[in-house]
Amino acid sequence: MAVAPLPATAPEASGLASSPSPVHRLGEQIFHAVEEIGLLAQFSGLTVSWLFSRRPRWSVLVPNFYAIGVQSMPVVAITGTFIGMVLAVQAHSQFKMMGLATRLGSVINISLVKELGPVLAATMLAGRVGSSMAAELGTMRVTEQIDALSALGTNPVNYLVVPRFLSCVLLIPLLTLMGDFMGVIGGAVVSTQLLKVDSFYYWYHSRQYVGSLDLLAGVFKSYFFGAAIALISCHRGFHSKAGAEGVGKAATEAFVYSFIAILFLDFVIGIGWNTAYYAIWPDTAGLL
């Protein structure tokens, strides 16, 4: 007598295969993020070690200086100018209602030199240069040019990453200063010429509240912003996946991750700077 076959009990056969739960997906995302941070830290350490072990050649540095510094000047200057003008327009009505229109310059200028100038210059650099570096290095990875450099005995990190890292770190303070200057000029022109704020008191209160230490705080932050942009963008390019989609994703991730790093570093460095400042000068009165 023939025996009837038993029904399939495997989940695949019965159609009862369950998808991963939200907890599993969250854990997977956390492990992936930790892995990416570890790879970035390892990549950063390798870059810094090559930076101090061998000096890059000028023939490699100069084109990067031009592409990262000189070609970024127009967009940073335009952004800084309009930010100063917008701050003047938006803040004037509020200050005028309180009878503090002549103090408008102090708020505009201290906001520019301490926060908006460095952050906006770094954001423009991440958008224009960071994405470009990630796309360029990603294309070299996909077309095996990086592997060819390794086969020829040239370390790709030393040849491709270190010059870009140096260019970002050394030139972003200059771009920040230029953005600050253009923003101060734009805010002053709108305030004194269009909004009819007395120019003498505008600059008087600006000098009273904005000092060289405030300018130094913004420039100090910009070094960390430039380092983060270069390391994140080059890391994304080096680990780009194959195909046009992989290169495009690397360029997008370079800007998004760089922008998040800029905001995080701005928060952390701002807290550390203020803590150190008031520890050294505890009786200093702030603007607010």
C-alpha atoms as a PDB file:
ATOM      1  CA  MET A   1       0.000   0.000   0.000  1.00  0.00           C
ATOM      2  CA  ALA A   2       1.429   3.375  -1.001  1.00  0.00           C
ATOM      3  CA  VAL A   3       2.132   5.833   1.801  1.00  0.00           C
ATOM      4  CA  ALA A   4       0.934   9.382   1.278  1.00  0.00           C
ATOM      5  CA  PRO A   5       3.743  11.969   1.386  1.00  0.00           C
ATOM      6  CA  LEU A   6       3.912  14.134   4.503  1.00  0.00           C
ATOM      7  CA  PRO A   7       3.104  17.829   4.069  1.00  0.00           C
ATOM      8  CA  ALA A   8       6.066  20.167   3.899  1.00  0.00           C
ATOM      9  CA  THR A   9       6.785  21.744   7.258  1.00  0.00           C
ATOM     10  CA  ALA A  10       9.650  24.013   6.294  1.00  0.00           C
ATOM     11  CA  PRO A  11       8.775  27.736   6.493  1.00  0.00           C
ATOM     12  CA  GLU A  12       9.820  28.251   2.888  1.00  0.00           C
ATOM     13  CA  ALA A  13       7.488  25.510   1.672  1.00  0.00           C
ATOM     14  CA  SER A  14       4.547  26.583   3.764  1.00  0.00           C
ATOM     15  CA  GLY A  15       4.927  30.238   2.879  1.00  0.00           C
ATOM     16  CA  LEU A  16       5.336  31.250   6.515  1.00  0.00           C
ATOM     17  CA  ALA A  17       8.790  32.786   6.178  1.00  0.00           C
ATOM     18  CA  SER A  18       8.844  35.853   8.410  1.00  0.00           C
ATOM     19  CA  SER A  19      10.623  39.071   7.524  1.00  0.00           C
ATOM     20  CA  PRO A  20      13.087  40.596  10.002  1.00  0.00           C
ATOM     21  CA  SER A  21      11.429  42.423  12.845  1.00  0.00           C
ATOM     22  CA  PRO A  22      11.924  46.187  13.361  1.00  0.00           C
ATOM     23  CA  VAL A  23      14.285  45.414  16.242  1.00  0.00           C
ATOM     24  CA  HIS A  24      16.460  43.266  13.981  1.00  0.00           C
ATOM     25  CA  ARG A  25      16.502  45.942  11.299  1.00  0.00           C
ATOM     26  CA  LEU A  26      17.409  48.610  13.866  1.00  0.00           C
ATOM     27  CA  GLY A  27      20.219  46.446  15.215  1.00  0.00           C
ATOM     28  CA  GLU A  28      21.503  45.852  11.698  1.00  0.00           C
ATOM     29  CA  GLN A  29      21.563  49.595  11.031  1.00  0.00           C
ATOM     30  CA  ILE A  30      23.404  50.261  14.296  1.00  0.00           C
ATOM     31  CA  PHE A  31      26.037  47.606  13.568  1.00  0.00           C
ATOM     32  CA  HIS A  32      26.457  48.994  10.056  1.00  0.00           C
ATOM     33  CA  ALA A  33      26.908  52.541  11.409  1.00  0.00           C
ATOM     34  CA  VAL A  34      29.487  51.365  13.964  1.00  0.00           C
ATOM     35  CA  GLU A  35      31.338  49.487  11.235  1.00  0.00           C
ATOM     36  CA  GLU A  36      31.399  52.571   8.997  1.00  0.00           C
ATOM     37  CA  ILE A  37      32.695  54.760  11.838  1.00  0.00           C
ATOM     38  CA  GLY A  38      35.449  52.228  12.536  1.00  0.00           C
ATOM     39  CA  LEU A  39      36.457  52.109   8.871  1.00  0.00           C
ATOM     40  CA  LEU A  40      36.492  55.904   8.721  1.00  0.00           C
ATOM     41  CA  ALA A  41      38.665  56.084  11.857  1.00  0.00           C
ATOM     42  CA  GLN A  42      41.075  53.563  10.354  1.00  0.00           C
ATOM     43  CA  PHE A  43      41.154  55.494   7.081  1.00  0.00           C
ATOM     44  CA  SER A  44      41.776  58.766   8.966  1.00  0.00           C
ATOM     45  CA  GLY A  45      44.632  57.252  10.938  1.00  0.00           C
ATOM     46  CA  LEU A  46      46.243  55.959   7.739  1.00  0.00           C
ATOM     47  CA  THR A  47      45.921  59.399   6.129  1.00  0.00           C
ATOM     48  CA  VAL A  48      47.503  61.188   9.105  1.00  0.00           C
ATOM     49  CA  SER A  49      50.343  58.660   9.254  1.00  0.00           C
ATOM     50  CA  TRP A  50      51.176  59.250   5.576  1.00  0.00           C
ATOM     51  CA  LEU A  51      50.868  63.005   6.118  1.00  0.00           C
ATOM     52  CA  PHE A  52      53.735  62.963   8.617  1.00  0.00           C
ATOM     53  CA  SER A  53      55.827  60.256   6.962  1.00  0.00           C
ATOM     54  CA  ARG A  54      56.141  61.692   3.449  1.00  0.00           C
ATOM     55  CA  ARG A  55      55.584  65.227   2.147  1.00  0.00           C
ATOM     56  CA  PRO A  56      53.346  65.445  -0.945  1.00  0.00           C
ATOM     57  CA  ARG A  57      54.849  66.824  -4.126  1.00  0.00           C
ATOM     58  CA  TRP A  58      54.021  70.371  -5.183  1.00  0.00           C
ATOM     59  CA  SER A  59      53.011  69.149  -8.627  1.00  0.00           C
ATOM     60  CA  VAL A  60      50.150  67.287  -6.924  1.00  0.00           C
ATOM     61  CA  LEU A  61      49.345  69.895  -4.278  1.00  0.00           C
ATOM     62  CA  VAL A  62      49.029  72.970  -6.504  1.00  0.00           C
ATOM     63  CA  PRO A  63      46.173  71.636  -8.700  1.00  0.00           C
ATOM     64  CA  ASN A  64      44.284  70.650  -5.552  1.00  0.00           C
ATOM     65  CA  PHE A  65      44.877  74.093  -4.036  1.00  0.00           C
ATOM     66  CA  TYR A  66      43.410  75.671  -7.155  1.00  0.00           C
ATOM     67  CA  ALA A  67      40.422  73.323  -7.419  1.00  0.00           C
ATOM     68  CA  ILE A  68      39.526  73.458  -3.726  1.00  0.00           C
ATOM     69  CA  GLY A  69      40.508  77.008  -2.802  1.00  0.00           C
ATOM     70  CA  VAL A  70      40.431  79.326  -5.799  1.00  0.00           C
ATOM     71  CA  GLN A  71      37.397  77.832  -7.519  1.00  0.00           C
ATOM     72  CA  SER A  72      35.406  77.871  -4.266  1.00  0.00           C
ATOM     73  CA  MET A  73      35.861  81.605  -3.720  1.00  0.00           C
ATOM     74  CA  PRO A  74      32.888  82.856  -5.810  1.00  0.00           C
ATOM     75  CA  VAL A  75      30.279  80.630  -4.189  1.00  0.00           C
ATOM     76  CA  VAL A  76      31.568  81.360  -0.666  1.00  0.00           C
ATOM     77  CA  ALA A  77      31.680  85.104  -1.336  1.00  0.00           C
ATOM     78  CA  ILE A  78      28.144  85.181  -2.760  1.00  0.00           C
ATOM     79  CA  THR A  79      26.786  83.056   0.091  1.00  0.00           C
ATOM     80  CA  GLY A  80      28.443  85.215   2.748  1.00  0.00           C
ATOM     81  CA  THR A  81      27.189  88.438   1.190  1.00  0.00           C
ATOM     82  CA  PHE A  82      23.557  87.337   1.014  1.00  0.00           C
ATOM     83  CA  ILE A  83      23.615  85.843   4.512  1.00  0.00           C
ATOM     84  CA  GLY A  84      24.748  89.194   5.925  1.00  0.00           C
ATOM     85  CA  MET A  85      22.051  90.999   3.946  1.00  0.00           C
ATOM     86  CA  VAL A  86      19.325  88.577   5.026  1.00  0.00           C
ATOM     87  CA  LEU A  87      20.347  88.857   8.685  1.00  0.00           C
ATOM     88  CA  ALA A  88      20.101  92.636   8.466  1.00  0.00           C
ATOM     89  CA  VAL A  89      16.644  92.567   6.881  1.00  0.00           C
ATOM     90  CA  GLN A  90      15.199  89.955   9.251  1.00  0.00           C
ATOM     91  CA  ALA A  91      16.637  91.352  12.497  1.00  0.00           C
ATOM     92  CA  HIS A  92      16.089  95.050  11.875  1.00  0.00           C
ATOM     93  CA  SER A  93      12.350  95.158  12.565  1.00  0.00           C
ATOM     94  CA  GLN A  94      12.696  93.312  15.866  1.00  0.00           C
ATOM     95  CA  PHE A  95      15.555  95.475  17.084  1.00  0.00           C
ATOM     96  CA  LYS A  96      13.794  98.647  15.954  1.00  0.00           C
ATOM     97  CA  MET A  97      10.709  97.772  18.037  1.00  0.00           C
ATOM     98  CA  MET A  98      12.953  97.477  21.109  1.00  0.00           C
ATOM     99  CA  GLY A  99      14.810 100.693  20.316  1.00  0.00           C
ATOM    100  CA  LEU A 100      18.059  98.814  19.638  1.00  0.00           C
ATOM    101  CA  ALA A 101      18.439  99.381  15.903  1.00  0.00           C
ATOM    102  CA  THR A 102      21.941 100.826  16.334  1.00  0.00           C
ATOM    103  CA  ARG A 103      23.056  97.543  17.939  1.00  0.00           C
ATOM    104  CA  LEU A 104      22.132  95.607  14.825  1.00  0.00           C
ATOM    105  CA  GLY A 105      25.752  95.419  13.687  1.00  0.00           C
ATOM    106  CA  SER A 106      26.903  93.630  16.826  1.00  0.00           C
ATOM    107  CA  VAL A 107      24.384  90.808  16.378  1.00  0.00           C
ATOM    108  CA  ILE A 108      24.966  90.431  12.638  1.00  0.00           C
ATOM    109  CA  ASN A 109      28.738  90.439  12.854  1.00  0.00           C
ATOM    110  CA  ILE A 110      29.131  88.190  15.875  1.00  0.00           C
ATOM    111  CA  SER A 111      26.709  85.685  14.335  1.00  0.00           C
ATOM    112  CA  LEU A 112      28.729  85.705  11.140  1.00  0.00           C
ATOM    113  CA  VAL A 113      32.236  85.384  12.551  1.00  0.00           C
ATOM    114  CA  LYS A 114      31.433  82.790  15.234  1.00  0.00           C
ATOM    115  CA  GLU A 115      28.807  80.560  13.647  1.00  0.00           C
ATOM    116  CA  LEU A 116      27.321  81.307  10.244  1.00  0.00           C
ATOM    117  CA  GLY A 117      30.557  82.159   8.444  1.00  0.00           C
ATOM    118  CA  PRO A 118      32.461  78.952   9.283  1.00  0.00           C
ATOM    119  CA  VAL A 119      29.423  76.683   8.942  1.00  0.00           C
ATOM    120  CA  LEU A 120      28.264  78.108   5.607  1.00  0.00           C
ATOM    121  CA  ALA A 121      31.774  78.139   4.150  1.00  0.00           C
ATOM    122  CA  ALA A 122      32.195  74.502   5.173  1.00  0.00           C
ATOM    123  CA  THR A 123      28.771  73.597   3.773  1.00  0.00           C
ATOM    124  CA  MET A 124      29.579  75.194   0.432  1.00  0.00           C
ATOM    125  CA  LEU A 125      32.932  73.399   0.411  1.00  0.00           C
ATOM    126  CA  ALA A 126      31.243  70.077   1.179  1.00  0.00           C
ATOM    127  CA  GLY A 127      28.705  70.591  -1.579  1.00  0.00           C
ATOM    128  CA  ARG A 128      31.098  71.783  -4.248  1.00  0.00           C
ATOM    129  CA  VAL A 129      34.351  70.007  -3.369  1.00  0.00           C
ATOM    130  CA  GLY A 130      33.347  67.069  -1.174  1.00  0.00           C
ATOM    131  CA  SER A 131      30.922  65.581  -3.673  1.00  0.00           C
ATOM    132  CA  SER A 132      33.412  66.160  -6.481  1.00  0.00           C
ATOM    133  CA  MET A 133      36.200  64.376  -4.603  1.00  0.00           C
ATOM    134  CA  ALA A 134      33.961  61.432  -3.771  1.00  0.00           C
ATOM    135  CA  ALA A 135      32.768  61.126  -7.384  1.00  0.00           C
ATOM    136  CA  GLU A 136      36.301  61.426  -8.763  1.00  0.00           C
ATOM    137  CA  LEU A 137      37.789  58.847  -6.412  1.00  0.00           C
ATOM    138  CA  GLY A 138      34.746  56.618  -6.820  1.00  0.00           C
ATOM    139  CA  THR A 139      35.212  56.634 -10.587  1.00  0.00           C
ATOM    140  CA  MET A 140      38.870  55.760 -10.117  1.00  0.00           C
ATOM    141  CA  ARG A 141      37.862  52.885  -7.845  1.00  0.00           C
ATOM    142  CA  VAL A 142      35.279  51.562 -10.317  1.00  0.00           C
ATOM    143  CA  THR A 143      37.675  51.798 -13.271  1.00  0.00           C
ATOM    144  CA  GLU A 144      40.436  50.124 -11.192  1.00  0.00           C
ATOM    145  CA  GLN A 145      42.792  53.102 -11.412  1.00  0.00           C
ATOM    146  CA  ILE A 146      43.379  52.937  -7.656  1.00  0.00           C
ATOM    147  CA  ASP A 147      44.297  49.254  -7.965  1.00  0.00           C
ATOM    148  CA  ALA A 148      46.664  50.174 -10.791  1.00  0.00           C
ATOM    149  CA  LEU A 149      48.431  52.708  -8.555  1.00  0.00           C
ATOM    150  CA  SER A 150      48.916  50.020  -5.911  1.00  0.00           C
ATOM    151  CA  ALA A 151      50.258  47.619  -8.537  1.00  0.00           C
ATOM    152  CA  LEU A 152      52.787  50.258  -9.654  1.00  0.00           C
ATOM    153  CA  GLY A 153      54.098  50.617  -6.098  1.00  0.00           C
ATOM    154  CA  THR A 154      52.396  53.955  -5.290  1.00  0.00           C
ATOM    155  CA  ASN A 155      50.345  54.156  -2.140  1.00  0.00           C
ATOM    156  CA  PRO A 156      46.921  55.504  -3.222  1.00  0.00           C
ATOM    157  CA  VAL A 157      46.222  57.145   0.145  1.00  0.00           C
ATOM    158  CA  ASN A 158      49.458  59.101   0.015  1.00  0.00           C
ATOM    159  CA  TYR A 159      49.027  60.070  -3.628  1.00  0.00           C
ATOM    160  CA  LEU A 160      45.277  60.793  -3.749  1.00  0.00           C
ATOM    161  CA  VAL A 161      44.030  61.533  -0.228  1.00  0.00           C
ATOM    162  CA  VAL A 162      46.823  63.445   1.517  1.00  0.00           C
ATOM    163  CA  PRO A 163      46.948  66.336  -1.033  1.00  0.00           C
ATOM    164  CA  ARG A 164      43.179  66.757  -0.856  1.00  0.00           C
ATOM    165  CA  PHE A 165      43.251  66.606   2.935  1.00  0.00           C
ATOM    166  CA  LEU A 166      45.958  69.258   3.153  1.00  0.00           C
ATOM    167  CA  SER A 167      44.188  71.496   0.663  1.00  0.00           C
ATOM    168  CA  CYS A 168      40.926  71.421   2.608  1.00  0.00           C
ATOM    169  CA  VAL A 169      42.548  71.974   6.006  1.00  0.00           C
ATOM    170  CA  LEU A 170      44.842  74.789   4.881  1.00  0.00           C
ATOM    171  CA  LEU A 171      42.438  76.700   2.636  1.00  0.00           C
ATOM    172  CA  ILE A 172      39.105  76.535   4.445  1.00  0.00           C
ATOM    173  CA  PRO A 173      40.208  79.142   7.060  1.00  0.00           C
ATOM    174  CA  LEU A 174      40.900  81.596   4.228  1.00  0.00           C
ATOM    175  CA  LEU A 175      37.519  80.852   2.671  1.00  0.00           C
ATOM    176  CA  THR A 176      35.913  81.366   6.077  1.00  0.00           C
ATOM    177  CA  LEU A 177      37.572  84.761   6.494  1.00  0.00           C
ATOM    178  CA  MET A 178      36.458  85.808   3.040  1.00  0.00           C
ATOM    179  CA  GLY A 179      32.895  84.686   3.767  1.00  0.00           C
ATOM    180  CA  ASP A 180      32.962  86.614   7.054  1.00  0.00           C
ATOM    181  CA  PHE A 181      34.232  89.743   5.325  1.00  0.00           C
ATOM    182  CA  MET A 182      31.632  89.636   2.558  1.00  0.00           C
ATOM    183  CA  GLY A 183      28.862  88.990   5.083  1.00  0.00           C
ATOM    184  CA  VAL A 184      29.942  91.918   7.251  1.00  0.00           C
ATOM    185  CA  ILE A 185      30.038  94.208   4.218  1.00  0.00           C
ATOM    186  CA  GLY A 186      26.663  92.989   2.937  1.00  0.00           C
ATOM    187  CA  GLY A 187      25.017  93.448   6.335  1.00  0.00           C
ATOM    188  CA  ALA A 188      26.542  96.906   6.778  1.00  0.00           C
ATOM    189  CA  VAL A 189      25.434  98.110   3.339  1.00  0.00           C
ATOM    190  CA  VAL A 190      21.845  96.985   3.855  1.00  0.00           C
ATOM    191  CA  SER A 191      21.691  98.286   7.430  1.00  0.00           C
ATOM    192  CA  THR A 192      23.185 101.716   6.838  1.00  0.00           C
ATOM    193  CA  GLN A 193      22.047 102.440   3.277  1.00  0.00           C
ATOM    194  CA  LEU A 194      18.648 100.743   2.963  1.00  0.00           C
ATOM    195  CA  LEU A 195      17.442 100.527   6.562  1.00  0.00           C
ATOM    196  CA  LYS A 196      18.946 103.905   7.529  1.00  0.00           C
ATOM    197  CA  VAL A 197      20.757 102.751  10.677  1.00  0.00           C
ATOM    198  CA  ASP A 198      23.303 105.298  11.880  1.00  0.00           C
ATOM    199  CA  SER A 199      26.634 104.075  10.528  1.00  0.00           C
ATOM    200  CA  PHE A 200      28.715 105.469  13.392  1.00  0.00           C
ATOM    201  CA  TYR A 201      26.797 103.554  16.099  1.00  0.00           C
ATOM    202  CA  TYR A 202      26.503 100.530  13.842  1.00  0.00           C
ATOM    203  CA  TRP A 203      30.290 100.138  13.712  1.00  0.00           C
ATOM    204  CA  TYR A 204      30.760 101.377  17.283  1.00  0.00           C
ATOM    205  CA  HIS A 205      28.658  98.588  18.771  1.00  0.00           C
ATOM    206  CA  SER A 206      30.207  96.097  16.380  1.00  0.00           C
ATOM    207  CA  ARG A 207      33.688  96.912  17.676  1.00  0.00           C
ATOM    208  CA  GLN A 208      32.406  96.816  21.239  1.00  0.00           C
ATOM    209  CA  TYR A 209      30.970  93.291  21.091  1.00  0.00           C
ATOM    210  CA  VAL A 210      32.959  91.560  18.365  1.00  0.00           C
ATOM    211  CA  GLY A 211      36.611  90.961  19.208  1.00  0.00           C
ATOM    212  CA  SER A 212      39.543  89.146  17.707  1.00  0.00           C
ATOM    213  CA  LEU A 213      38.844  86.143  19.940  1.00  0.00           C
ATOM    214  CA  ASP A 214      35.417  85.733  18.337  1.00  0.00           C
ATOM    215  CA  LEU A 215      37.016  85.738  14.899  1.00  0.00           C
ATOM    216  CA  LEU A 216      39.585  83.215  16.122  1.00  0.00           C
ATOM    217  CA  ALA A 217      36.788  80.939  17.358  1.00  0.00           C
ATOM    218  CA  GLY A 218      35.290  80.730  13.880  1.00  0.00           C
ATOM    219  CA  VAL A 219      38.627  80.136  12.187  1.00  0.00           C
ATOM    220  CA  PHE A 220      39.507  77.472  14.775  1.00  0.00           C
ATOM    221  CA  LYS A 221      36.329  75.563  13.977  1.00  0.00           C
ATOM    222  CA  SER A 222      36.978  75.700  10.254  1.00  0.00           C
ATOM    223  CA  TYR A 223      40.119  73.549  10.546  1.00  0.00           C
ATOM    224  CA  PHE A 224      38.054  70.686  11.939  1.00  0.00           C
ATOM    225  CA  PHE A 225      35.355  71.219   9.330  1.00  0.00           C
ATOM    226  CA  GLY A 226      37.886  71.014   6.502  1.00  0.00           C
ATOM    227  CA  ALA A 227      39.461  67.849   7.919  1.00  0.00           C
ATOM    228  CA  ALA A 228      36.059  66.185   8.283  1.00  0.00           C
ATOM    229  CA  ILE A 229      35.024  67.092   4.731  1.00  0.00           C
ATOM    230  CA  ALA A 230      38.225  65.737   3.200  1.00  0.00           C
ATOM    231  CA  LEU A 231      38.313  62.499   5.194  1.00  0.00           C
ATOM    232  CA  ILE A 232      34.632  61.652   4.766  1.00  0.00           C
ATOM    233  CA  SER A 233      34.558  62.491   1.056  1.00  0.00           C
ATOM    234  CA  CYS A 234      37.726  60.565   0.242  1.00  0.00           C
ATOM    235  CA  HIS A 235      36.583  57.610   2.332  1.00  0.00           C
ATOM    236  CA  ARG A 236      33.254  57.480   0.501  1.00  0.00           C
ATOM    237  CA  GLY A 237      35.064  57.655  -2.834  1.00  0.00           C
ATOM    238  CA  PHE A 238      37.532  54.911  -1.904  1.00  0.00           C
ATOM    239  CA  HIS A 239      34.680  52.602  -0.875  1.00  0.00           C
ATOM    240  CA  SER A 240      32.384  53.370  -3.784  1.00  0.00           C
ATOM    241  CA  LYS A 241      30.443  50.484  -5.241  1.00  0.00           C
ATOM    242  CA  ALA A 242      30.522  49.551  -8.893  1.00  0.00           C
ATOM    243  CA  GLY A 243      28.535  51.318 -11.547  1.00  0.00           C
ATOM    244  CA  ALA A 244      27.184  54.794 -12.071  1.00  0.00           C
ATOM    245  CA  GLU A 245      24.683  54.282  -9.242  1.00  0.00           C
ATOM    246  CA  GLY A 246      27.486  53.461  -6.817  1.00  0.00           C
ATOM    247  CA  VAL A 247      29.469  56.570  -7.740  1.00  0.00           C
ATOM    248  CA  GLY A 248      26.391  58.780  -7.458  1.00  0.00           C
ATOM    249  CA  LYS A 249      25.552  57.284  -4.080  1.00  0.00           C
ATOM    250  CA  ALA A 250      29.104  57.889  -2.873  1.00  0.00           C
ATOM    251  CA  ALA A 251      28.905  61.557  -3.904  1.00  0.00           C
ATOM    252  CA  THR A 252      25.557  61.987  -2.149  1.00  0.00           C
ATOM    253  CA  GLU A 253      26.740  60.271   1.017  1.00  0.00           C
ATOM    254  CA  ALA A 254      29.882  62.417   1.034  1.00  0.00           C
ATOM    255  CA  PHE A 255      27.841  65.621   1.224  1.00  0.00           C
ATOM    256  CA  VAL A 256      25.218  64.319   3.669  1.00  0.00           C
ATOM    257  CA  TYR A 257      27.735  62.803   6.080  1.00  0.00           C
ATOM    258  CA  SER A 258      29.996  65.852   5.827  1.00  0.00           C
ATOM    259  CA  PHE A 259      27.100  68.184   6.633  1.00  0.00           C
ATOM    260  CA  ILE A 260      26.114  66.095   9.659  1.00  0.00           C
ATOM    261  CA  ALA A 261      29.745  66.067  10.817  1.00  0.00           C
ATOM    262  CA  ILE A 262      29.958  69.863  10.407  1.00  0.00           C
ATOM    263  CA  LEU A 263      26.903  70.409  12.605  1.00  0.00           C
ATOM    264  CA  PHE A 264      28.096  67.899  15.207  1.00  0.00           C
ATOM    265  CA  LEU A 265      31.585  69.400  15.358  1.00  0.00           C
ATOM    266  CA  ASP A 266      30.143  72.907  15.547  1.00  0.00           C
ATOM    267  CA  PHE A 267      28.075  71.885  18.580  1.00  0.00           C
ATOM    268  CA  VAL A 268      30.906  70.076  20.365  1.00  0.00           C
ATOM    269  CA  ILE A 269      33.591  72.686  19.650  1.00  0.00           C
ATOM    270  CA  GLY A 270      31.187  75.490  20.588  1.00  0.00           C
ATOM    271  CA  ILE A 271      30.560  73.949  23.994  1.00  0.00           C
ATOM    272  CA  GLY A 272      34.269  73.341  24.540  1.00  0.00           C
ATOM    273  CA  TRP A 273      35.224  76.850  23.437  1.00  0.00           C
ATOM    274  CA  ASN A 274      32.683  78.535  25.708  1.00  0.00           C
ATOM    275  CA  THR A 275      33.665  76.342  28.654  1.00  0.00           C
ATOM    276  CA  ALA A 276      37.346  77.189  28.217  1.00  0.00           C
ATOM    277  CA  TYR A 277      36.584  80.873  27.666  1.00  0.00           C
ATOM    278  CA  TYR A 278      34.541  81.328  30.836  1.00  0.00           C
ATOM    279  CA  ALA A 279      36.998  79.206  32.812  1.00  0.00           C
ATOM    280  CA  ILE A 280      39.782  81.639  31.898  1.00  0.00           C
ATOM    281  CA  TRP A 281      37.678  84.839  32.106  1.00  0.00           C
ATOM    282  CA  PRO A 282      34.805  84.007  34.497  1.00  0.00           C
ATOM    283  CA  ASP A 283      33.675  87.624  34.975  1.00  0.00           C
ATOM    284  CA  THR A 284      33.317  88.424  31.279  1.00  0.00           C
ATOM    285  CA  ALA A 285      29.881  89.729  30.353  1.00  0.00           C
ATOM    286  CA  GLY A 286      28.378  88.278  27.207  1.00  0.00           C
ATOM    287  CA  LEU A 287      26.268  89.979  24.579  1.00  0.00           C
ATOM    288  CA  LEU A 288      22.987  88.412  25.723  1.00  0.00           C
END
